[in-house]
């Protein structure tokens, strides 16, 4: 789906830094300090080798207990210092991860919301998993391997000082383990990447279908749905198993090789010690330093799977931020009055390049009620989404009081817009919270909105009144109750533009009467109202009618004018004239 949007996004140059990289670079001083900490730690980790060297070459030769005591005290103090530095380093990484999460969590939330808004349903939790994945890698011990790896040459130089032959052997060992690390990358990168894609696809498929759990259960579709999901899941398991088997095999070879190299280093040192070329202390020290030199490579191989996962997560987040950049706050504008002007509007769903609406033009004054009618798939709901600025036009513009509504800062324009979508979505929480749009609850405004929507008395009958919890998506309410509470949410506060998409689709007679009363009240308050409906009963209170057909305006004018056109169309259709047949299809 992302590929659809990439063609509209400006290509990033090689020198241009991504938004996520800029955040990471903001911690460069902290990472530099951690590098210094790591350097001190790695220098101090030479203490075991030096201690053993002194024990074998000085204490055992001199049999001086005071020297042994002082060396042991110094060694323990150095170990304590290493432990403190390790703790500080770990705490610093945890804090960096938490600060990064705090900086990016709101941005990830906004970008994910923009993606769902543009692409519709999908695995909306994936970006949050990706952010957690990156943060966990930054706070894991696996990252320390990358801080410690640059010190491997220093350890090898120390081994060279003991004896050049041992140094050459250590270089060969390090290169061999580095080759295994590279082999781990090449062998597991593609299977893990494919496994993640398949997993995301399977998770998205399951999440979308579980939203229709009632229909699946009622019609016995569970096994059929599971049959479509199971192959995706099995493919994910196979790919993950393939990558894990390769990585575990290489890790086993790495462990065998590292232990063997350390023992061989000890054997080579023993050979040189027998020849009196180096001391026994040098033999032990070279083996210890060898283990320390190879440790970062071994640690990196062990954490390679986590590193690959974090890298894929980083790429997905970077791509998400690039496709859905942060909205720039425009200049604040005066509160709108409700004048709507649609000029040459051509538009459609963001996930397609095919327009649904073509060259739409009309105006609506404050206080007017405009009905949008037409056959199914004529573009009514698409027009509603453009009227409230949810979808961006392909061409043309929708203006509210002369300003492009899609460019108006959403936090500012939102309170002045009331929107009731065709698919009712209430949020988990109390009735009052939903009506108040999850902002600060003003009891008087909540009750006023409920009364306008004609649901005040109904809400009072709930177990806890306005404090009644409605469940996820309003699952504890009937379809009609959800629709009427959503209508109260749409009229909450002081909206000047109200767009209602099929507001009476689930209403009974009492609900219809309450809806008509709400229209009369809003109209008297000079609110601009657009109502999409298939029911002609509500047309008696509208001022204007827009008839859509095949994404274009087939008729637009006052209620009496358009109703006259519809009546003539019916008469012509009855006479079976070609024009009547065509208009009959429109209707």
Protein backbone atom coordinates (compact mmCIF):
# COMPACT_ATOMS: atom_id res chain seq x y z
CA UNK A 1 0.00 0.00 0.00
CA UNK A 2 2.84 2.39 0.78
CA UNK A 3 3.96 2.26 -2.85
CA UNK A 4 0.80 4.13 -3.87
CA UNK A 5 1.90 7.11 -1.79
CA UNK A 6 5.59 7.07 -2.68
CA UNK A 7 4.92 8.57 -6.09
CA UNK A 8 3.46 11.65 -4.40
CA UNK A 9 6.28 12.00 -1.86
CA UNK A 10 9.40 14.03 -2.66
CA UNK A 11 12.39 11.76 -3.04
CA UNK A 12 14.92 12.10 -0.25
CA UNK A 13 18.43 12.92 -1.36
CA UNK A 14 21.40 10.93 -0.18
CA UNK A 15 22.53 13.77 2.09
CA UNK A 16 19.08 14.44 3.53
CA UNK A 17 18.55 12.92 6.95
CA UNK A 18 15.33 11.14 7.79
CA UNK A 19 13.17 12.25 10.69
CA UNK A 20 14.00 9.16 12.74
CA UNK A 21 17.74 9.56 12.10
CA UNK A 22 17.58 13.18 13.26
CA UNK A 23 16.08 12.03 16.55
CA UNK A 24 18.85 9.45 17.01
CA UNK A 25 21.52 12.01 16.10
CA UNK A 26 20.17 14.30 18.80
CA UNK A 27 21.65 11.76 21.25
CA UNK A 28 25.10 11.83 19.66
CA UNK A 29 26.68 13.47 22.72
CA UNK A 30 25.20 10.77 24.93
CA UNK A 31 26.44 8.06 22.54
CA UNK A 32 29.88 9.72 22.51
CA UNK A 33 29.91 9.64 26.30
CA UNK A 34 28.89 5.99 26.22
CA UNK A 35 31.75 5.36 23.81
CA UNK A 36 34.15 6.86 26.35
CA UNK A 37 32.60 4.72 29.10
CA UNK A 38 33.04 1.66 26.90
CA UNK A 39 36.65 2.60 26.24
CA UNK A 40 37.43 2.86 29.95
CA UNK A 41 35.62 -0.42 30.62
CA UNK A 42 37.55 -2.22 27.90
CA UNK A 43 40.86 -0.87 29.16
CA UNK A 44 40.00 -2.02 32.67
CA UNK A 45 39.05 -5.45 31.33
CA UNK A 46 42.77 -5.97 30.74
CA UNK A 47 43.05 -6.21 34.53
CA UNK A 48 42.42 -10.01 34.67
CA UNK A 49 45.22 -10.63 32.18
CA UNK A 50 47.61 -8.28 33.99
CA UNK A 51 46.67 -9.81 37.34
CA UNK A 52 47.38 -13.33 36.09
CA UNK A 53 50.63 -12.14 34.51
CA UNK A 54 51.78 -10.68 37.83
CA UNK A 55 50.66 -13.75 39.80
CA UNK A 56 52.60 -16.18 37.60
CA UNK A 57 55.69 -14.06 36.91
CA UNK A 58 56.07 -12.13 40.15
CA UNK A 59 54.16 -13.62 43.09
CA UNK A 60 54.92 -17.28 42.40
CA UNK A 61 58.54 -16.48 41.67
CA UNK A 62 59.07 -14.25 44.73
CA UNK A 63 56.55 -15.98 47.02
CA UNK A 64 55.78 -12.52 48.45
CA UNK A 65 52.38 -12.56 50.18
CA UNK A 66 52.24 -8.77 50.55
CA UNK A 67 52.59 -8.38 46.78
CA UNK A 68 49.77 -10.91 46.31
CA UNK A 69 47.58 -9.01 48.79
CA UNK A 70 48.16 -5.63 47.15
CA UNK A 71 47.63 -7.01 43.66
CA UNK A 72 44.38 -8.65 44.77
CA UNK A 73 43.10 -5.45 46.41
CA UNK A 74 43.92 -3.41 43.30
CA UNK A 75 42.26 -6.07 41.12
CA UNK A 76 39.07 -6.01 43.21
CA UNK A 77 38.95 -2.21 43.15
CA UNK A 78 39.26 -2.25 39.36
CA UNK A 79 36.50 -4.87 39.11
CA UNK A 80 34.27 -2.71 41.33
CA UNK A 81 34.96 0.27 39.10
CA UNK A 82 34.12 -1.81 36.01
CA UNK A 83 30.86 -2.91 37.63
CA UNK A 84 29.89 0.69 38.40
CA UNK A 85 30.72 1.82 34.87
CA UNK A 86 28.70 -1.08 33.43
CA UNK A 87 25.76 -0.05 35.60
CA UNK A 88 26.05 3.59 34.55
CA UNK A 89 26.33 2.56 30.91
CA UNK A 90 23.23 0.36 31.12
CA UNK A 91 21.23 3.04 32.94
CA UNK A 92 22.26 5.63 30.35
CA UNK A 93 21.08 3.39 27.50
CA UNK A 94 17.76 2.76 29.27
CA UNK A 95 17.23 6.50 29.72
CA UNK A 96 18.15 7.19 26.10
CA UNK A 97 15.61 4.57 25.02
CA UNK A 98 12.90 6.06 27.24
CA UNK A 99 13.58 9.63 26.10
CA UNK A 100 13.56 8.47 22.47
CA UNK A 101 10.26 6.69 23.05
CA UNK A 102 8.76 9.81 24.66
CA UNK A 103 9.86 11.93 21.70
CA UNK A 104 8.60 9.52 19.07
CA UNK A 105 5.51 7.92 20.60
CA UNK A 106 3.24 10.87 19.77
CA UNK A 107 4.75 11.10 16.30
CA UNK A 108 4.22 7.37 15.71
CA UNK A 109 0.64 7.70 16.95
CA UNK A 110 -0.07 10.58 14.55
CA UNK A 111 1.64 8.91 11.57
CA UNK A 112 -0.15 5.62 12.22
CA UNK A 113 -3.46 7.45 12.43
CA UNK A 114 -2.71 9.18 9.11
CA UNK A 115 -1.91 5.81 7.53
CA UNK A 116 -5.12 4.21 8.79
CA UNK A 117 -7.06 7.26 7.63
CA UNK A 118 -5.54 6.95 4.17
CA UNK A 119 -5.37 3.19 3.76
CA UNK A 120 -8.32 2.08 5.82
CA UNK A 121 -8.05 -1.04 7.94
CA UNK A 122 -4.70 -2.66 8.54
CA UNK A 123 -2.24 -3.69 11.22
CA UNK A 124 -2.26 -0.39 13.07
CA UNK A 125 -0.29 -1.83 15.99
CA UNK A 126 2.81 -2.62 13.90
CA UNK A 127 4.44 0.86 14.16
CA UNK A 128 4.14 0.74 17.95
CA UNK A 129 5.76 -2.72 17.96
CA UNK A 130 8.50 -1.30 15.73
CA UNK A 131 9.15 1.60 18.10
CA UNK A 132 9.32 -0.82 21.04
CA UNK A 133 11.65 -3.07 19.03
CA UNK A 134 14.09 -0.23 18.30
CA UNK A 135 13.99 0.98 21.91
CA UNK A 136 14.57 -2.51 23.31
CA UNK A 137 17.59 -3.01 21.07
CA UNK A 138 19.04 0.31 22.21
CA UNK A 139 18.68 -0.80 25.82
CA UNK A 140 19.91 -4.37 25.32
CA UNK A 141 23.36 -5.83 25.90
CA UNK A 142 23.54 -6.62 22.19
CA UNK A 143 24.26 -2.96 21.46
CA UNK A 144 27.29 -3.09 23.73
CA UNK A 145 28.92 -5.46 21.25
CA UNK A 146 29.05 -2.58 18.75
CA UNK A 147 30.60 -0.30 21.39
CA UNK A 148 33.17 -2.95 22.37
CA UNK A 149 34.04 -4.22 18.88
CA UNK A 150 36.36 -1.26 18.03
CA UNK A 151 38.58 -2.31 20.97
CA UNK A 152 39.30 -5.73 19.51
CA UNK A 153 42.36 -4.38 17.61
CA UNK A 154 43.69 -2.95 20.90
CA UNK A 155 43.52 -6.38 22.51
CA UNK A 156 45.22 -7.93 19.49
CA UNK A 157 48.02 -5.36 19.76
CA UNK A 158 48.44 -6.37 23.42
CA UNK A 159 48.79 -10.00 22.31
CA UNK A 160 51.38 -8.94 19.71
CA UNK A 161 53.37 -7.36 22.53
CA UNK A 162 53.44 -10.71 24.29
CA UNK A 163 54.56 -12.46 21.08
CA UNK A 164 54.01 -11.76 17.33
CA UNK A 165 53.06 -15.37 16.58
CA UNK A 166 50.25 -15.24 19.10
CA UNK A 167 49.15 -11.91 17.61
CA UNK A 168 48.95 -13.37 14.10
CA UNK A 169 46.93 -16.29 15.44
CA UNK A 170 44.51 -13.88 17.18
CA UNK A 171 44.05 -11.90 13.93
CA UNK A 172 43.20 -15.08 12.05
CA UNK A 173 40.73 -16.09 14.78
CA UNK A 174 39.04 -12.68 14.77
CA UNK A 175 38.74 -12.68 10.97
CA UNK A 176 37.25 -16.17 11.03
CA UNK A 177 34.60 -15.16 13.59
CA UNK A 178 33.92 -11.96 11.68
CA UNK A 179 33.32 -14.09 8.59
CA UNK A 180 30.81 -16.14 10.59
CA UNK A 181 29.07 -12.91 11.63
CA UNK A 182 28.86 -11.85 8.00
CA UNK A 183 27.53 -15.30 7.07
CA UNK A 184 24.85 -14.92 9.75
CA UNK A 185 23.77 -11.64 8.15
CA UNK A 186 23.66 -13.05 4.62
CA UNK A 187 21.90 -16.29 5.53
CA UNK A 188 19.21 -14.93 7.86
CA UNK A 189 18.44 -11.46 6.50
CA UNK A 190 16.05 -12.46 3.71
CA UNK A 191 14.17 -15.22 5.59
CA UNK A 192 13.64 -12.96 8.62
CA UNK A 193 12.52 -10.06 6.44
CA UNK A 194 10.05 -12.27 4.58
CA UNK A 195 8.87 -13.80 7.85
CA UNK A 196 8.10 -10.35 9.25
CA UNK A 197 6.13 -9.40 6.13
CA UNK A 198 4.09 -12.61 6.24
CA UNK A 199 3.50 -12.19 9.99
CA UNK A 200 2.23 -8.63 9.50
CA UNK A 201 -0.04 -9.79 6.70
CA UNK A 202 -1.45 -12.64 8.81
CA UNK A 203 -1.95 -10.39 11.85
CA UNK A 204 -3.68 -7.73 9.76
CA UNK A 205 -5.95 -10.35 8.18
CA UNK A 206 -6.93 -11.74 11.58
CA UNK A 207 -7.52 -8.29 13.12
CA UNK A 208 -9.77 -7.17 10.24
CA UNK A 209 -11.85 -10.34 10.29
CA UNK A 210 -12.24 -10.41 14.07
CA UNK A 211 -14.05 -7.10 13.83
CA UNK A 212 -16.82 -9.05 12.12
CA UNK A 213 -16.87 -11.77 14.77
CA UNK A 214 -20.64 -11.74 15.16
CA UNK A 215 -21.30 -12.32 11.46
CA UNK A 216 -18.57 -14.98 11.32
CA UNK A 217 -20.06 -16.81 14.30
CA UNK A 218 -23.68 -16.48 13.16
CA UNK A 219 -23.04 -17.86 9.68
CA UNK A 220 -20.50 -20.51 10.68
CA UNK A 221 -17.66 -18.86 8.75
CA UNK A 222 -14.94 -19.41 11.38
CA UNK A 223 -13.37 -22.47 9.76
CA UNK A 224 -13.39 -20.81 6.34
CA UNK A 225 -11.71 -17.70 7.74
CA UNK A 226 -9.20 -19.84 9.64
CA UNK A 227 -8.37 -21.77 6.45
CA UNK A 228 -7.39 -18.49 4.80
CA UNK A 229 -5.36 -17.32 7.82
CA UNK A 230 -3.59 -20.60 8.63
CA UNK A 231 -1.42 -20.81 5.44
CA UNK A 232 -0.06 -17.32 6.14
CA UNK A 233 0.78 -18.28 9.71
CA UNK A 234 2.38 -21.56 8.64
CA UNK A 235 4.46 -19.77 6.03
CA UNK A 236 5.65 -17.36 8.73
CA UNK A 237 6.65 -20.27 10.99
CA UNK A 238 8.57 -21.96 8.16
CA UNK A 239 10.48 -18.80 7.26
CA UNK A 240 11.26 -18.05 10.89
CA UNK A 241 12.33 -21.64 11.47
CA UNK A 242 14.58 -21.47 8.42
CA UNK A 243 16.26 -18.29 9.61
CA UNK A 244 16.55 -19.52 13.21
CA UNK A 245 18.07 -22.84 12.16
CA UNK A 246 20.70 -21.11 10.06
CA UNK A 247 21.49 -18.63 12.82
CA UNK A 248 21.64 -21.30 15.54
CA UNK A 249 23.95 -23.48 13.44
CA UNK A 250 26.33 -20.59 12.83
CA UNK A 251 26.11 -19.60 16.49
CA UNK A 252 27.06 -23.15 17.51
CA UNK A 253 30.02 -23.07 15.11
CA UNK A 254 30.98 -19.68 16.51
CA UNK A 255 30.94 -20.93 20.11
CA UNK A 256 32.96 -24.02 19.17
CA UNK A 257 35.46 -21.89 17.27
CA UNK A 258 35.84 -19.27 20.00
CA UNK A 259 36.44 -21.88 22.72
CA UNK A 260 38.81 -23.77 20.44
CA UNK A 261 40.76 -20.64 19.56
CA UNK A 262 41.15 -19.74 23.23
CA UNK A 263 42.38 -23.22 24.06
CA UNK A 264 44.68 -23.27 21.03
CA UNK A 265 46.02 -19.89 22.11
CA UNK A 266 46.74 -21.41 25.50
CA UNK A 267 48.42 -24.37 23.83
CA UNK A 268 50.53 -22.11 21.58
CA UNK A 269 51.49 -20.03 24.60
CA UNK A 270 52.45 -23.17 26.47
CA UNK A 271 54.65 -24.21 23.56
CA UNK A 272 56.40 -20.83 23.63
CA UNK A 273 56.71 -20.99 27.42
CA UNK A 274 58.28 -24.47 27.21
CA UNK A 275 60.78 -23.01 24.74
CA UNK A 276 61.43 -20.18 27.24
CA UNK A 277 60.34 -17.66 24.61
CA UNK A 278 57.58 -16.22 26.84
CA UNK A 279 56.81 -16.57 30.54
CA UNK A 280 53.98 -18.73 31.92
CA UNK A 281 52.25 -15.51 32.93
CA UNK A 282 52.39 -14.33 29.32
CA UNK A 283 50.83 -17.62 28.25
CA UNK A 284 47.85 -17.15 30.60
CA UNK A 285 47.52 -13.44 29.82
CA UNK A 286 47.45 -14.05 26.06
CA UNK A 287 44.65 -16.61 26.46
CA UNK A 288 42.56 -14.24 28.62
CA UNK A 289 43.09 -11.30 26.27
CA UNK A 290 42.24 -13.51 23.32
CA UNK A 291 38.88 -14.36 24.93
CA UNK A 292 38.22 -10.67 25.55
CA UNK A 293 39.13 -9.77 21.95
CA UNK A 294 36.71 -12.31 20.50
CA UNK A 295 33.90 -11.62 22.98
CA UNK A 296 32.33 -8.62 21.11
CA UNK A 297 32.19 -10.63 17.87
CA UNK A 298 30.61 -13.58 19.66
CA UNK A 299 28.13 -11.25 21.40
CA UNK A 300 27.26 -9.56 18.09
CA UNK A 301 26.51 -12.93 16.47
CA UNK A 302 24.29 -13.88 19.41
CA UNK A 303 22.36 -10.60 19.13
CA UNK A 304 22.28 -10.58 15.32
CA UNK A 305 18.67 -11.72 15.09
CA UNK A 306 17.61 -8.91 17.42
CA UNK A 307 19.72 -6.47 15.43
CA UNK A 308 18.09 -7.51 12.14
CA UNK A 309 14.64 -7.19 13.67
CA UNK A 310 15.46 -3.71 15.02
CA UNK A 311 16.90 -2.69 11.66
CA UNK A 312 13.72 -3.75 9.83
CA UNK A 313 11.65 -1.89 12.41
CA UNK A 314 13.81 1.20 11.91
CA UNK A 315 13.29 1.04 8.14
CA UNK A 316 9.52 0.70 8.50
CA UNK A 317 9.33 3.64 10.92
CA UNK A 318 11.54 5.77 8.69
CA UNK A 319 9.35 4.93 5.69
CA UNK A 320 6.20 5.68 7.70
CA UNK A 321 7.54 9.11 8.75
CA UNK A 322 8.65 9.87 5.20
CA UNK A 323 5.28 8.97 3.65
CA UNK A 324 3.24 10.67 6.38
CA UNK A 325 5.28 13.72 7.41
CA UNK A 326 4.39 15.75 10.45
CA UNK A 327 1.71 18.33 9.76
CA UNK A 328 2.94 21.88 9.89
CA UNK A 329 0.77 24.18 11.94
CA UNK A 330 -0.60 26.95 9.74
CA UNK A 331 -1.62 30.42 10.83
CA UNK A 332 -4.68 30.55 13.05
CA UNK A 333 -7.86 31.77 11.35
CA UNK A 334 -10.99 33.40 12.78
CA UNK A 335 -13.83 31.07 13.81
CA UNK A 336 -15.81 30.04 10.71
CA UNK A 337 -19.43 31.06 10.14
CA UNK A 338 -20.42 28.15 7.88
CA UNK A 339 -20.19 29.30 4.26
CA UNK A 340 -19.20 26.25 2.17
CA UNK A 341 -17.94 26.54 -1.41
CA UNK A 342 -17.00 23.50 -3.51
CA UNK A 343 -15.11 24.39 -6.70
CA UNK A 344 -14.23 21.88 -9.43
CA UNK A 345 -13.78 19.10 -6.87
CA UNK A 346 -12.32 15.87 -8.22
CA UNK A 347 -11.46 13.25 -5.65
CA UNK A 348 -11.50 9.68 -4.49
CA UNK A 349 -10.11 7.32 -1.89
CA UNK A 350 -6.44 8.00 -1.04
CA UNK A 351 -5.43 4.40 -1.72
CA UNK A 352 -6.41 4.64 -5.39
CA UNK A 353 -5.65 6.94 -8.29
CA UNK A 354 -9.14 6.53 -9.74
CA UNK A 355 -11.42 9.52 -9.08
CA UNK A 356 -14.90 8.90 -7.69
CA UNK A 357 -16.05 12.52 -7.87
CA UNK A 358 -15.61 14.59 -11.03
CA UNK A 359 -15.79 18.38 -11.25
CA UNK A 360 -18.26 18.99 -8.40
CA UNK A 361 -19.42 22.60 -7.93
CA UNK A 362 -21.93 24.08 -5.47
CA UNK A 363 -22.35 26.47 -2.55
CA UNK A 364 -24.12 26.29 0.79
CA UNK A 365 -24.84 29.28 3.02
CA UNK A 366 -24.91 29.30 6.80
CA UNK A 367 -28.25 28.03 8.06
CA UNK A 368 -29.01 25.96 4.96
CA UNK A 369 -29.83 22.25 5.08
CA UNK A 370 -28.60 20.45 1.95
CA UNK A 371 -29.52 16.89 1.12
CA UNK A 372 -27.12 14.78 -0.95
CA UNK A 373 -28.95 11.96 -2.69
CA UNK A 374 -28.26 9.46 -5.45
CA UNK A 375 -27.92 5.74 -6.12
CA UNK A 376 -25.38 3.53 -4.38
CA UNK A 377 -21.74 4.10 -5.41
CA UNK A 378 -22.55 7.54 -6.79
CA UNK A 379 -19.98 9.23 -4.54
CA UNK A 380 -22.12 10.51 -1.67
CA UNK A 381 -19.92 9.27 1.19
CA UNK A 382 -16.81 10.33 -0.73
CA UNK A 383 -18.22 13.83 -1.00
CA UNK A 384 -18.94 13.82 2.74
CA UNK A 385 -15.32 12.92 3.54
CA UNK A 386 -14.09 15.76 1.33
CA UNK A 387 -16.54 18.22 2.90
CA UNK A 388 -15.05 17.66 6.35
CA UNK A 389 -11.45 17.53 5.07
CA UNK A 390 -10.81 13.86 5.87
CA UNK A 391 -9.72 13.10 2.29
CA UNK A 392 -7.56 15.35 0.17
CA UNK A 393 -8.92 16.38 -3.26
CA UNK A 394 -7.12 15.25 -6.39
CA UNK A 395 -8.16 18.56 -7.95
CA UNK A 396 -10.34 21.46 -6.94
CA UNK A 397 -11.01 22.65 -3.43
CA UNK A 398 -13.56 22.64 -0.61
CA UNK A 399 -13.62 25.98 1.20
CA UNK A 400 -15.13 26.93 4.53
CA UNK A 401 -15.53 30.71 4.79
CA UNK A 402 -13.09 31.01 1.88
CA UNK A 403 -10.30 28.89 3.46
CA UNK A 404 -9.28 25.47 2.12
CA UNK A 405 -10.72 23.12 4.74
CA UNK A 406 -8.06 20.46 4.15
CA UNK A 407 -5.32 22.99 4.96
CA UNK A 408 -7.03 24.39 8.07
CA UNK A 409 -5.22 23.30 11.30
CA UNK A 410 -7.26 20.27 12.36
CA UNK A 411 -7.01 21.02 16.09
CA UNK A 412 -8.57 24.43 15.43
CA UNK A 413 -11.23 23.51 12.87
CA UNK A 414 -12.28 20.24 14.56
CA UNK A 415 -14.55 21.79 17.22
CA UNK A 416 -16.42 23.69 14.48
CA UNK A 417 -17.20 20.50 12.52
CA UNK A 418 -19.78 17.86 13.33
CA UNK A 419 -19.47 14.59 11.43
CA UNK A 420 -21.54 11.43 11.56
CA UNK A 421 -19.93 8.81 9.28
CA UNK A 422 -21.87 6.03 7.62
CA UNK A 423 -20.00 3.42 9.68
CA UNK A 424 -20.64 4.47 13.27
CA UNK A 425 -17.51 4.30 15.42
CA UNK A 426 -17.78 5.08 19.13
CA UNK A 427 -14.74 4.82 21.38
CA UNK A 428 -14.43 2.72 24.51
CA UNK A 429 -15.43 4.85 27.46
CA UNK A 430 -18.45 6.52 29.03
CA UNK A 431 -21.39 7.96 27.13
CA UNK A 432 -20.48 11.47 28.29
CA UNK A 433 -16.88 11.03 27.13
CA UNK A 434 -18.02 10.01 23.66
CA UNK A 435 -20.42 12.92 23.33
CA UNK A 436 -17.73 15.35 24.56
CA UNK A 437 -15.31 13.93 21.97
CA UNK A 438 -13.04 12.74 24.82
CA UNK A 439 -12.13 16.30 25.69
CA UNK A 440 -12.78 18.04 28.98
CA UNK A 441 -16.40 17.24 29.84
CA UNK A 442 -18.71 20.23 30.08
CA UNK A 443 -21.86 18.75 31.63
CA UNK A 444 -24.14 21.50 30.33
CA UNK A 445 -22.88 21.13 26.75
CA UNK A 446 -23.09 17.32 26.92
CA UNK A 447 -26.70 17.42 28.09
CA UNK A 448 -27.54 20.11 25.52
CA UNK A 449 -26.09 18.02 22.68
CA UNK A 450 -27.98 14.96 23.93
CA UNK A 451 -31.23 16.92 24.02
CA UNK A 452 -30.67 18.24 20.48
CA UNK A 453 -30.13 14.66 19.30
CA UNK A 454 -33.16 13.52 21.29
CA UNK A 455 -31.23 10.99 23.40
CA UNK A 456 -31.24 12.65 26.81
CA UNK A 457 -34.15 10.60 28.14
CA UNK A 458 -32.73 7.44 26.61
CA UNK A 459 -29.35 7.98 28.27
CA UNK A 460 -30.97 8.55 31.65
CA UNK A 461 -32.41 5.03 31.39
CA UNK A 462 -28.91 3.52 31.14
CA UNK A 463 -27.58 1.84 34.34
CA UNK A 464 -25.24 4.73 35.16
CA UNK A 465 -26.74 7.42 32.96
CA UNK A 466 -24.11 9.50 31.21
CA UNK A 467 -21.37 7.62 33.07
CA UNK A 468 -22.38 4.27 31.56
CA UNK A 469 -19.47 2.48 29.92
CA UNK A 470 -20.42 1.53 26.35
CA UNK A 471 -17.70 -1.06 25.72
CA UNK A 472 -15.27 -1.26 22.81
CA UNK A 473 -16.82 0.38 19.75
CA UNK A 474 -20.10 0.83 21.64
CA UNK A 475 -20.68 -2.93 21.70
CA UNK A 476 -23.14 -2.65 24.60
CA UNK A 477 -25.47 -0.44 22.56
CA UNK A 478 -27.89 -1.21 19.76
CA UNK A 479 -27.32 0.17 16.27
CA UNK A 480 -29.93 2.88 16.77
CA UNK A 481 -28.49 3.89 20.16
CA UNK A 482 -24.99 4.14 18.71
CA UNK A 483 -26.27 6.28 15.84
CA UNK A 484 -28.15 8.70 18.10
CA UNK A 485 -25.21 9.07 20.53
CA UNK A 486 -22.92 9.66 17.54
CA UNK A 487 -25.36 12.36 16.40
CA UNK A 488 -25.09 13.99 19.84
CA UNK A 489 -21.30 13.89 19.45
CA UNK A 490 -21.59 15.56 16.04
CA UNK A 491 -23.63 18.50 17.41
CA UNK A 492 -21.62 18.84 20.66
CA UNK A 493 -20.14 22.25 21.34
CA UNK A 494 -20.71 24.85 18.67
CA UNK A 495 -20.10 23.27 15.23
CA UNK A 496 -20.95 25.46 12.25
CA UNK A 497 -20.62 22.72 9.62
CA UNK A 498 -22.43 19.43 10.25
CA UNK A 499 -22.18 16.54 7.79
CA UNK A 500 -24.39 13.53 8.47
CA UNK A 501 -23.98 10.38 6.38
CA UNK A 502 -27.14 8.24 6.55
CA UNK A 503 -28.10 9.51 10.04
CA UNK A 504 -31.46 7.69 9.97
CA UNK A 505 -30.32 4.31 8.63
CA UNK A 506 -30.82 2.58 12.02
CA UNK A 507 -33.54 4.79 13.50
CA UNK A 508 -37.09 3.84 14.38
CA UNK A 509 -40.04 6.24 14.12
CA UNK A 510 -39.17 7.94 17.41
CA UNK A 511 -35.60 8.36 16.24
CA UNK A 512 -36.76 9.84 12.94
CA UNK A 513 -38.90 12.41 14.77
CA UNK A 514 -35.97 13.29 17.06
CA UNK A 515 -33.73 13.70 13.99
CA UNK A 516 -36.18 16.09 12.31
CA UNK A 517 -36.44 18.11 15.52
CA UNK A 518 -32.64 18.25 15.69
CA UNK A 519 -32.48 19.58 12.12
CA UNK A 520 -35.02 22.29 12.92
CA UNK A 521 -33.06 23.35 16.03
CA UNK A 522 -29.71 23.40 14.21
CA UNK A 523 -31.19 25.26 11.27
CA UNK A 524 -32.58 27.94 13.58
CA UNK A 525 -29.09 28.28 15.06
CA UNK A 526 -27.73 29.02 11.54
CA UNK A 527 -25.74 25.79 11.25
CA UNK A 528 -24.73 24.59 7.78
CA UNK A 529 -25.97 21.02 7.44
CA UNK A 530 -25.34 18.37 4.80
CA UNK A 531 -27.34 15.17 5.10
CA UNK A 532 -26.86 12.08 2.98
CA UNK A 533 -29.92 9.91 2.85
CA UNK A 534 -31.85 7.35 0.84
CA UNK A 535 -35.07 8.05 2.71
CA UNK A 536 -37.31 10.67 1.14
CA UNK A 537 -39.16 11.40 4.40
CA UNK A 538 -36.40 13.71 5.58
CA UNK A 539 -36.33 15.71 2.35
CA UNK A 540 -39.32 17.77 3.49
CA UNK A 541 -37.14 19.89 5.80
CA UNK A 542 -34.14 20.51 3.53
CA UNK A 543 -33.53 23.73 1.60
CA UNK A 544 -31.43 22.33 -1.24
CA UNK A 545 -30.85 18.96 -2.87
CA UNK A 546 -27.77 17.74 -4.71
CA UNK A 547 -28.36 14.69 -6.89
CA UNK A 548 -25.22 12.69 -7.66
CA UNK A 549 -24.87 10.13 -10.41
CA UNK A 550 -21.64 8.38 -11.42
CA UNK A 551 -19.59 10.85 -9.37
CA UNK A 552 -21.04 13.96 -11.03
CA UNK A 553 -23.81 16.39 -10.15
CA UNK A 554 -26.92 15.35 -12.08
CA UNK A 555 -29.09 18.05 -10.49
CA UNK A 556 -28.59 20.80 -7.92
CA UNK A 557 -30.98 23.43 -6.70
CA UNK A 558 -33.75 24.17 -4.26
CA UNK A 559 -35.79 21.31 -2.87
CA UNK A 560 -38.80 22.15 -5.05
CA UNK A 561 -36.68 22.43 -8.22
CA UNK A 562 -34.92 19.08 -7.76
CA UNK A 563 -38.10 17.35 -6.60
CA UNK A 564 -39.80 18.61 -9.78
CA UNK A 565 -36.94 17.15 -11.82
CA UNK A 566 -37.31 13.83 -10.01
CA UNK A 567 -41.06 13.82 -10.61
CA UNK A 568 -40.63 14.47 -14.33
CA UNK A 569 -38.03 11.71 -14.43
CA UNK A 570 -40.50 9.27 -12.92
CA UNK A 571 -43.17 10.26 -15.40
CA UNK A 572 -40.76 9.91 -18.31
CA UNK A 573 -39.57 6.58 -16.97
CA UNK A 574 -43.16 5.43 -16.84
CA UNK A 575 -43.53 6.41 -20.51
CA UNK A 576 -40.37 4.36 -21.24
CA UNK A 577 -38.71 7.22 -23.06
CA UNK A 578 -34.90 6.92 -23.46
CA UNK A 579 -34.35 9.93 -21.19
CA UNK A 580 -36.71 8.49 -18.60
CA UNK A 581 -34.94 5.16 -18.60
CA UNK A 582 -31.61 6.92 -18.09
CA UNK A 583 -32.93 9.04 -15.22
CA UNK A 584 -34.55 5.98 -13.73
CA UNK A 585 -31.12 4.38 -13.57
CA UNK A 586 -29.83 7.54 -11.87
CA UNK A 587 -32.57 7.26 -9.27
